């Protein structure tokens, strides 16, 4: 991990001189907001809010776009200058013209946003998600909100919208979200050293076969270790191997009787409900996170991630019909195990119906879309004006003939939700 050094950082904001002093030297070009105090009077005041949203003023090295790892940076946010490290993120979004970032903050100076997302404070890492492939600018926030609403007992993922200025230049509208790591687990009262895995590919399907239908050489295939000890080596994957083996090898009776000892069964049932509800077809094996506290009482828990492919589009922006019946069993053998046993599937479908009539009823979701539209509309239209040409011409979807504007995409979202919810009410037995 490349860690740059820090210099004397000063900012004039609201007439107050703030200092981010240290003994090290800043190796990149100094932004005006972080000049020596002798020059502070000439430093411009950075934007605090724009179009009703908070502004992140991020200053990074010009070498960052082509570099791996973390690099020293500075962030001016709500009148405070903060030292931090930043890296590019995402296997797909790394190739977007408008990229995503991970921000890492020092232990003694975490990121705080107390006013938004129900309190977004004490964060050691924060993700800036580029909505370059989501011109509604709200799919991640909407999906995380529904997951959080399904149950207060879920591991909650918070997010809000903000405007990013990069090295002093407007860069657009972003979704600020939790980084799924051991620090977030600790903030939610969980074991900081518990095992955390991410499905980095579709082989993280709890099946003996890989995505091509070939026998797996190792049941850890498709999973990436994100936290927990040991951190690396074959033994680091023993716990996820054992969980996968239980899903594969247990009889119907054993799976039914022992699943609660292995996993938080309600959360994994909610994973199926959530995924089929919003048609999150890029995160039903790949991109899903799985966490387990240490010790014999530790049970596996699911956390959603990477939800741009949802609410009527794939990751490459292409449209998904809302009438498709709930399934995903071909992509996730755990879903198959739950659905093949009527004693599990029947109450799971009943919970689905109750959610559709209660916390996740169509009127609630449409109201959330209305709220998000009011929050981001002005910023989204400015972002669209900045990135529209690159968006239309991006090679992964440039052959589409059904592009929408922001306003049209929000209307598409509303139509899709109304149609999807109606179809589910007819399809659920």
Protein backbone atom coordinates (compact mmCIF):
# COMPACT_ATOMS: atom_id res chain seq x y z
CA UNK A 1 0.00 0.00 0.00
CA UNK A 2 1.56 3.25 -1.11
CA UNK A 3 1.15 5.88 1.58
CA UNK A 4 2.11 9.44 0.67
CA UNK A 5 3.34 11.93 3.26
CA UNK A 6 1.52 14.89 4.74
CA UNK A 7 2.39 18.58 4.71
CA UNK A 8 0.95 21.64 6.43
CA UNK A 9 -2.68 21.91 5.31
CA UNK A 10 -4.63 25.11 5.84
CA UNK A 11 -8.09 26.20 4.82
CA UNK A 12 -10.00 29.42 5.08
CA UNK A 13 -13.67 28.50 5.50
CA UNK A 14 -16.21 30.92 6.85
CA UNK A 15 -13.38 33.17 8.03
CA UNK A 16 -11.85 30.43 10.19
CA UNK A 17 -8.34 29.13 9.60
CA UNK A 18 -8.20 25.37 9.96
CA UNK A 19 -5.00 23.36 10.15
CA UNK A 20 -4.11 19.82 9.10
CA UNK A 21 -0.48 20.18 10.11
CA UNK A 22 2.04 17.35 10.31
CA UNK A 23 5.77 16.98 9.93
CA UNK A 24 5.78 15.18 6.57
CA UNK A 25 5.86 16.66 3.08
CA UNK A 26 3.01 16.61 0.58
CA UNK A 27 4.36 14.98 -2.56
CA UNK A 28 1.69 16.17 -4.99
CA UNK A 29 0.67 19.64 -6.12
CA UNK A 30 -0.72 21.59 -3.17
CA UNK A 31 -4.37 22.57 -3.58
CA UNK A 32 -5.21 26.17 -2.80
CA UNK A 33 -7.19 25.04 0.25
CA UNK A 34 -4.06 23.49 1.78
CA UNK A 35 -1.44 26.19 1.35
CA UNK A 36 0.93 27.52 3.93
CA UNK A 37 -0.73 29.91 6.37
CA UNK A 38 1.12 32.87 4.83
CA UNK A 39 -0.85 32.27 1.63
CA UNK A 40 -4.14 31.41 3.29
CA UNK A 41 -5.78 34.77 2.69
CA UNK A 42 -5.66 34.18 -1.06
CA UNK A 43 -7.05 30.64 -0.88
CA UNK A 44 -10.60 30.37 -2.24
CA UNK A 45 -13.39 29.06 -0.05
CA UNK A 46 -14.35 25.60 -1.26
CA UNK A 47 -17.95 24.71 -1.98
CA UNK A 48 -19.75 23.21 1.03
CA UNK A 49 -23.10 22.42 -0.62
CA UNK A 50 -24.33 22.46 -4.19
CA UNK A 51 -27.86 21.81 -5.46
CA UNK A 52 -28.84 20.91 -1.91
CA UNK A 53 -26.19 18.19 -1.55
CA UNK A 54 -22.89 18.18 0.36
CA UNK A 55 -19.74 18.64 -1.69
CA UNK A 56 -16.62 16.48 -1.42
CA UNK A 57 -13.54 18.43 -2.49
CA UNK A 58 -11.00 15.69 -3.16
CA UNK A 59 -7.38 16.41 -4.10
CA UNK A 60 -5.41 13.45 -5.45
CA UNK A 61 -2.18 12.75 -7.27
CA UNK A 62 -2.43 12.97 -11.04
CA UNK A 63 -0.85 9.49 -11.23
CA UNK A 64 -3.82 7.89 -9.44
CA UNK A 65 -5.92 6.94 -12.49
CA UNK A 66 -3.33 4.41 -13.68
CA UNK A 67 -2.06 3.25 -10.30
CA UNK A 68 -2.87 0.36 -7.96
CA UNK A 69 -3.15 0.66 -4.19
CA UNK A 70 -3.80 3.61 -1.91
CA UNK A 71 -2.21 7.03 -2.34
CA UNK A 72 -2.11 10.10 -0.13
CA UNK A 73 -4.84 12.65 -0.71
CA UNK A 74 -6.73 15.45 0.96
CA UNK A 75 -10.44 15.99 1.39
CA UNK A 76 -12.17 19.27 2.20
CA UNK A 77 -15.65 18.46 3.48
CA UNK A 78 -18.08 20.73 5.30
CA UNK A 79 -15.31 23.24 6.04
CA UNK A 80 -12.77 20.75 7.35
CA UNK A 81 -9.54 19.63 5.72
CA UNK A 82 -8.84 15.94 6.24
CA UNK A 83 -5.86 13.81 5.35
CA UNK A 84 -6.66 10.41 3.89
CA UNK A 85 -5.68 7.80 1.34
CA UNK A 86 -7.57 7.04 -1.84
CA UNK A 87 -7.68 4.29 -4.42
CA UNK A 88 -9.65 3.47 -7.52
CA UNK A 89 -12.17 0.66 -7.06
CA UNK A 90 -14.27 -1.77 -9.06
CA UNK A 91 -13.41 -4.33 -11.73
CA UNK A 92 -15.87 -2.84 -14.22
CA UNK A 93 -16.13 0.75 -13.03
CA UNK A 94 -12.34 1.18 -13.25
CA UNK A 95 -12.88 1.49 -16.99
CA UNK A 96 -15.65 4.07 -16.75
CA UNK A 97 -14.72 7.63 -17.72
CA UNK A 98 -16.22 8.63 -14.37
CA UNK A 99 -14.60 6.28 -11.87
CA UNK A 100 -15.38 5.06 -8.36
CA UNK A 101 -13.10 5.58 -5.36
CA UNK A 102 -12.41 4.16 -1.92
CA UNK A 103 -11.41 6.70 0.72
CA UNK A 104 -9.49 5.53 3.80
CA UNK A 105 -9.21 7.79 6.85
CA UNK A 106 -6.77 7.69 9.77
CA UNK A 107 -7.85 5.81 12.89
CA UNK A 108 -7.81 9.00 14.95
CA UNK A 109 -9.69 11.07 12.35
CA UNK A 110 -12.49 9.01 10.76
CA UNK A 111 -15.05 10.40 8.34
CA UNK A 112 -18.16 11.95 9.88
CA UNK A 113 -21.45 12.98 8.28
CA UNK A 114 -23.89 13.22 11.20
CA UNK A 115 -26.80 14.76 9.28
CA UNK A 116 -27.37 12.27 6.46
CA UNK A 117 -28.14 8.55 6.09
CA UNK A 118 -29.35 8.41 9.67
CA UNK A 119 -25.88 9.30 10.92
CA UNK A 120 -22.88 8.35 8.83
CA UNK A 121 -20.13 8.75 11.41
CA UNK A 122 -16.90 7.14 12.58
CA UNK A 123 -16.18 5.61 9.16
CA UNK A 124 -12.62 4.43 8.56
CA UNK A 125 -13.42 3.75 4.90
CA UNK A 126 -16.00 5.28 2.59
CA UNK A 127 -16.92 4.33 -0.98
CA UNK A 128 -17.71 6.88 -3.67
CA UNK A 129 -19.84 4.93 -6.16
CA UNK A 130 -19.94 6.32 -9.66
CA UNK A 131 -23.46 6.18 -11.13
CA UNK A 132 -22.02 6.32 -14.65
CA UNK A 133 -24.06 3.22 -15.57
CA UNK A 134 -27.18 4.34 -13.70
CA UNK A 135 -28.71 7.50 -15.08
CA UNK A 136 -31.46 7.41 -12.44
CA UNK A 137 -28.65 8.14 -9.94
CA UNK A 138 -30.57 6.27 -7.24
CA UNK A 139 -30.46 2.49 -7.74
CA UNK A 140 -27.84 1.82 -5.07
CA UNK A 141 -29.53 4.04 -2.51
CA UNK A 142 -32.96 2.64 -3.26
CA UNK A 143 -31.79 -0.98 -3.02
CA UNK A 144 -29.86 -0.46 0.23
CA UNK A 145 -32.88 1.33 1.71
CA UNK A 146 -35.14 -1.62 0.91
CA UNK A 147 -32.66 -4.09 2.42
CA UNK A 148 -32.44 -1.99 5.58
CA UNK A 149 -36.23 -1.68 5.77
CA UNK A 150 -36.77 -5.43 5.46
CA UNK A 151 -35.46 -5.91 8.99
CA UNK A 152 -33.66 -3.76 11.56
CA UNK A 153 -31.68 -6.89 12.41
CA UNK A 154 -29.98 -6.92 9.01
CA UNK A 155 -26.41 -5.69 8.79
CA UNK A 156 -27.26 -2.19 7.64
CA UNK A 157 -25.57 -0.52 4.65
CA UNK A 158 -25.93 3.25 4.65
CA UNK A 159 -25.63 5.59 1.68
CA UNK A 160 -26.35 9.16 0.64
CA UNK A 161 -25.73 11.40 -2.38
CA UNK A 162 -23.02 14.04 -2.73
CA UNK A 163 -21.27 16.12 -5.38
CA UNK A 164 -17.57 15.51 -6.05
CA UNK A 165 -15.00 18.11 -7.09
CA UNK A 166 -11.73 16.48 -8.11
CA UNK A 167 -8.59 18.62 -7.87
CA UNK A 168 -10.75 21.71 -7.97
CA UNK A 169 -12.84 20.71 -11.01
CA UNK A 170 -16.47 19.57 -11.04
CA UNK A 171 -16.63 15.76 -11.34
CA UNK A 172 -20.29 15.01 -10.79
CA UNK A 173 -22.88 13.31 -8.61
CA UNK A 174 -21.83 10.27 -6.55
CA UNK A 175 -23.33 7.84 -4.06
CA UNK A 176 -21.40 7.85 -0.77
CA UNK A 177 -21.73 4.41 0.82
CA UNK A 178 -20.37 2.24 3.59
CA UNK A 179 -17.28 0.19 2.86
CA UNK A 180 -17.98 -3.42 3.82
CA UNK A 181 -15.09 -4.32 6.11
CA UNK A 182 -14.21 -5.25 9.68
CA UNK A 183 -14.51 -1.63 10.82
CA UNK A 184 -18.15 -1.48 9.69
CA UNK A 185 -18.82 -4.78 11.46
CA UNK A 186 -17.36 -3.31 14.66
CA UNK A 187 -19.54 -0.18 14.32
CA UNK A 188 -22.58 -2.49 14.27
CA UNK A 189 -21.49 -4.28 17.42
CA UNK A 190 -20.08 -7.34 15.68
CA UNK A 191 -16.79 -9.20 16.05
CA UNK A 192 -14.06 -7.10 14.40
CA UNK A 193 -12.04 -10.25 13.67
CA UNK A 194 -14.88 -12.28 12.19
CA UNK A 195 -14.54 -13.86 8.76
CA UNK A 196 -15.72 -11.69 5.88
CA UNK A 197 -15.85 -13.01 2.32
CA UNK A 198 -16.95 -11.47 -0.95
CA UNK A 199 -18.12 -13.35 -4.00
CA UNK A 200 -15.72 -11.99 -6.60
CA UNK A 201 -17.19 -14.15 -9.36
CA UNK A 202 -20.25 -16.23 -10.24
CA UNK A 203 -18.52 -19.35 -8.92
CA UNK A 204 -19.44 -18.16 -5.40
CA UNK A 205 -22.67 -20.08 -5.94
CA UNK A 206 -22.65 -22.65 -3.08
CA UNK A 207 -22.62 -25.37 -5.71
CA UNK A 208 -20.19 -28.23 -6.46
CA UNK A 209 -20.10 -26.92 -10.04
CA UNK A 210 -18.60 -23.73 -11.37
CA UNK A 211 -20.52 -21.31 -13.56
CA UNK A 212 -19.54 -23.36 -16.64
CA UNK A 213 -21.00 -26.53 -15.13
CA UNK A 214 -17.61 -28.11 -14.38
CA UNK A 215 -16.74 -29.69 -11.00
CA UNK A 216 -14.92 -27.23 -8.78
CA UNK A 217 -11.35 -28.05 -7.81
CA UNK A 218 -11.86 -26.24 -4.49
CA UNK A 219 -15.09 -25.16 -2.78
CA UNK A 220 -13.51 -21.78 -1.98
CA UNK A 221 -13.69 -21.04 -5.71
CA UNK A 222 -15.32 -17.67 -6.39
CA UNK A 223 -14.77 -16.27 -2.89
CA UNK A 224 -12.30 -13.60 -1.79
CA UNK A 225 -11.23 -13.22 1.85
CA UNK A 226 -11.79 -9.64 3.04
CA UNK A 227 -11.27 -9.91 6.81
CA UNK A 228 -10.55 -12.41 9.56
CA UNK A 229 -7.61 -14.58 10.56
CA UNK A 230 -5.74 -16.10 8.91
CA UNK A 231 -5.83 -13.43 6.21
CA UNK A 232 -4.32 -15.50 3.41
CA UNK A 233 -3.33 -19.00 2.43
CA UNK A 234 -5.51 -22.06 2.02
CA UNK A 235 -6.54 -22.18 5.70
CA UNK A 236 -8.03 -18.68 5.43
CA UNK A 237 -10.87 -20.22 3.41
CA UNK A 238 -11.67 -23.20 5.65
CA UNK A 239 -14.83 -21.62 7.08
CA UNK A 240 -16.41 -20.74 3.72
CA UNK A 241 -15.45 -24.21 2.39
CA UNK A 242 -17.26 -25.82 5.33
CA UNK A 243 -20.35 -23.66 4.83
CA UNK A 244 -20.44 -24.47 1.12
CA UNK A 245 -19.97 -28.18 1.83
CA UNK A 246 -22.91 -28.10 4.26
CA UNK A 247 -25.14 -26.54 1.59
CA UNK A 248 -24.02 -29.10 -0.99
CA UNK A 249 -23.79 -32.33 0.97
CA UNK A 250 -26.48 -32.21 3.65
CA UNK A 251 -29.65 -34.22 3.18
CA UNK A 252 -32.98 -32.42 3.04
CA UNK A 253 -33.61 -33.30 6.69
CA UNK A 254 -30.15 -32.22 7.85
CA UNK A 255 -30.29 -28.96 5.92
CA UNK A 256 -33.70 -28.18 7.42
CA UNK A 257 -32.68 -29.05 10.99
CA UNK A 258 -29.12 -27.65 11.09
CA UNK A 259 -29.29 -24.58 8.87
CA UNK A 260 -30.06 -22.27 11.81
CA UNK A 261 -26.84 -23.39 13.49
CA UNK A 262 -24.85 -22.60 10.34
CA UNK A 263 -26.41 -19.34 9.25
CA UNK A 264 -28.89 -16.65 10.10
CA UNK A 265 -31.54 -18.42 8.06
CA UNK A 266 -33.88 -15.43 7.95
CA UNK A 267 -31.18 -13.23 6.38
CA UNK A 268 -30.40 -15.80 3.69
CA UNK A 269 -34.11 -16.18 2.94
CA UNK A 270 -34.29 -12.38 2.76
CA UNK A 271 -31.40 -12.48 0.29
CA UNK A 272 -33.56 -14.51 -2.10
CA UNK A 273 -36.58 -12.26 -1.52
CA UNK A 274 -34.53 -9.10 -1.97
CA UNK A 275 -32.71 -10.34 -5.07
CA UNK A 276 -35.84 -11.50 -6.85
CA UNK A 277 -37.78 -8.42 -5.80
CA UNK A 278 -35.40 -5.89 -7.40
CA UNK A 279 -33.94 -8.43 -9.89
CA UNK A 280 -30.39 -7.89 -8.65
CA UNK A 281 -29.02 -10.36 -11.16
CA UNK A 282 -25.37 -9.35 -10.77
CA UNK A 283 -25.26 -9.98 -7.03
CA UNK A 284 -26.92 -13.34 -6.38
CA UNK A 285 -23.55 -15.08 -6.17
CA UNK A 286 -20.92 -12.64 -7.39
CA UNK A 287 -20.66 -9.43 -5.31
CA UNK A 288 -22.51 -10.81 -2.27
CA UNK A 289 -20.75 -10.57 1.12
CA UNK A 290 -20.82 -13.24 3.81
CA UNK A 291 -19.78 -12.61 7.41
CA UNK A 292 -19.35 -14.93 10.40
CA UNK A 293 -18.30 -14.09 13.94
CA UNK A 294 -15.62 -16.23 15.53
CA UNK A 295 -16.38 -19.09 17.87
CA UNK A 296 -18.71 -22.09 17.88
CA UNK A 297 -21.80 -19.87 18.08
CA UNK A 298 -20.87 -17.83 15.03
CA UNK A 299 -23.44 -17.98 12.22
CA UNK A 300 -23.12 -16.81 8.63
CA UNK A 301 -24.80 -13.56 7.64
CA UNK A 302 -25.44 -12.00 4.24
CA UNK A 303 -24.77 -8.38 3.19
CA UNK A 304 -25.79 -6.97 -0.23
CA UNK A 305 -23.42 -5.11 -2.52
CA UNK A 306 -23.00 -3.80 -6.07
CA UNK A 307 -26.60 -3.10 -6.94
CA UNK A 308 -26.42 -1.02 -10.12
CA UNK A 309 -27.88 -4.07 -11.88
CA UNK A 310 -31.35 -3.81 -10.36
CA UNK A 311 -34.76 -2.22 -10.88
CA UNK A 312 -34.99 -3.03 -14.56
CA UNK A 313 -31.43 -2.91 -15.86
CA UNK A 314 -28.31 -5.05 -16.11
CA UNK A 315 -24.84 -3.80 -15.12
CA UNK A 316 -24.41 -2.65 -18.74
CA UNK A 317 -27.64 -0.55 -18.60
CA UNK A 318 -29.62 -2.92 -20.83
CA UNK A 319 -33.27 -3.31 -19.88
CA UNK A 320 -34.80 -6.14 -17.83
CA UNK A 321 -38.47 -6.97 -18.14
CA UNK A 322 -40.35 -6.69 -14.82
CA UNK A 323 -42.61 -9.71 -15.34
CA UNK A 324 -39.97 -12.45 -14.95
CA UNK A 325 -40.96 -14.86 -12.13
CA UNK A 326 -38.68 -15.06 -9.05
CA UNK A 327 -35.94 -17.65 -9.47
CA UNK A 328 -32.11 -17.36 -9.54
CA UNK A 329 -31.82 -21.02 -8.53
CA UNK A 330 -29.55 -21.63 -11.53
CA UNK A 331 -27.12 -19.03 -10.17
CA UNK A 332 -27.21 -19.98 -6.49
CA UNK A 333 -27.53 -23.50 -5.14
CA UNK A 334 -28.35 -22.19 -1.66
CA UNK A 335 -31.55 -20.74 -3.10
CA UNK A 336 -32.32 -24.16 -4.59
CA UNK A 337 -31.90 -25.86 -1.20
CA UNK A 338 -34.28 -23.42 0.47
CA UNK A 339 -36.91 -23.58 -2.26
CA UNK A 340 -36.94 -27.36 -2.70
CA UNK A 341 -38.11 -27.95 0.88
CA UNK A 342 -41.77 -26.89 1.34
CA UNK A 343 -41.26 -26.47 5.09
CA UNK A 344 -38.75 -23.69 4.28
CA UNK A 345 -40.18 -22.36 1.01
CA UNK A 346 -43.79 -21.96 2.14
CA UNK A 347 -43.12 -19.61 5.09
CA UNK A 348 -40.45 -17.83 3.02
CA UNK A 349 -43.00 -17.03 0.32
CA UNK A 350 -45.49 -15.99 2.96
CA UNK A 351 -42.94 -13.52 4.35
CA UNK A 352 -42.44 -12.28 0.78
CA UNK A 353 -46.17 -11.59 0.46
CA UNK A 354 -46.30 -9.84 3.83
CA UNK A 355 -43.39 -7.58 2.90
CA UNK A 356 -45.11 -6.70 -0.39
CA UNK A 357 -48.20 -5.74 1.59
CA UNK A 358 -46.29 -3.94 4.35
CA UNK A 359 -42.79 -2.46 4.64
CA UNK A 360 -42.01 -2.96 0.95
CA UNK A 361 -45.40 -2.31 -0.62
CA UNK A 362 -45.38 -0.54 -3.96
CA UNK A 363 -46.64 2.76 -2.52
CA UNK A 364 -43.70 2.86 -0.10
CA UNK A 365 -41.14 2.18 -2.84
CA UNK A 366 -42.71 4.73 -5.17
CA UNK A 367 -42.62 7.24 -2.32
CA UNK A 368 -38.90 6.54 -1.82
CA UNK A 369 -38.31 7.16 -5.53
CA UNK A 370 -40.17 10.48 -5.24
CA UNK A 371 -38.04 11.45 -2.23
CA UNK A 372 -34.77 10.53 -3.94
CA UNK A 373 -35.79 12.39 -7.08
CA UNK A 374 -36.38 15.55 -5.07
CA UNK A 375 -32.96 15.16 -3.43
CA UNK A 376 -30.85 14.55 -6.53
CA UNK A 377 -32.74 16.05 -9.47
CA UNK A 378 -30.81 19.31 -9.81
CA UNK A 379 -27.43 17.61 -9.28
CA UNK A 380 -28.37 14.74 -11.61
CA UNK A 381 -29.26 17.08 -14.45
CA UNK A 382 -25.93 18.88 -14.08
CA UNK A 383 -24.07 15.56 -13.99
CA UNK A 384 -25.98 14.41 -17.06
CA UNK A 385 -24.95 17.55 -18.95
CA UNK A 386 -21.30 16.86 -18.02
CA UNK A 387 -21.16 13.12 -18.79
CA UNK A 388 -23.96 12.54 -21.32
CA UNK A 389 -21.69 12.30 -24.37
CA UNK A 390 -19.37 9.77 -22.70
CA UNK A 391 -22.36 7.81 -21.40
CA UNK A 392 -24.01 7.48 -24.81
CA UNK A 393 -20.75 6.50 -26.50
CA UNK A 394 -19.41 4.03 -23.92
CA UNK A 395 -18.53 0.84 -25.77
CA UNK A 396 -20.25 -1.57 -23.33
CA UNK A 397 -23.69 -0.22 -24.26
CA UNK A 398 -23.24 2.19 -27.17
CA UNK A 399 -25.41 0.03 -29.47
CA UNK A 400 -28.52 0.62 -27.35
CA UNK A 401 -31.39 2.34 -29.14
CA UNK A 402 -33.50 3.03 -26.04
CA UNK A 403 -31.43 5.55 -24.07
CA UNK A 404 -33.26 7.74 -21.59
CA UNK A 405 -32.59 11.05 -19.91
CA UNK A 406 -32.53 11.31 -16.11
CA UNK A 407 -36.18 12.36 -16.00
CA UNK A 408 -37.20 9.56 -18.36
CA UNK A 409 -35.19 6.99 -16.36
CA UNK A 410 -36.93 7.97 -13.13
CA UNK A 411 -40.28 7.47 -14.87
CA UNK A 412 -39.01 4.10 -16.13
CA UNK A 413 -38.15 3.18 -12.52
CA UNK A 414 -41.67 4.05 -11.39
CA UNK A 415 -43.24 2.03 -14.22
CA UNK A 416 -40.92 -0.91 -13.52
CA UNK A 417 -41.73 -0.99 -9.80
CA UNK A 418 -45.49 -0.81 -10.39
CA UNK A 419 -45.32 -3.59 -12.98
CA UNK A 420 -42.88 -5.78 -11.02
CA UNK A 421 -44.83 -5.59 -7.78
CA UNK A 422 -48.06 -6.40 -9.58
CA UNK A 423 -46.46 -9.38 -11.32
CA UNK A 424 -45.08 -10.73 -8.04
CA UNK A 425 -48.46 -10.57 -6.37
CA UNK A 426 -49.83 -12.78 -9.16
CA UNK A 427 -46.83 -15.14 -9.34
CA UNK A 428 -46.20 -15.94 -5.69
CA UNK A 429 -48.17 -19.11 -4.91
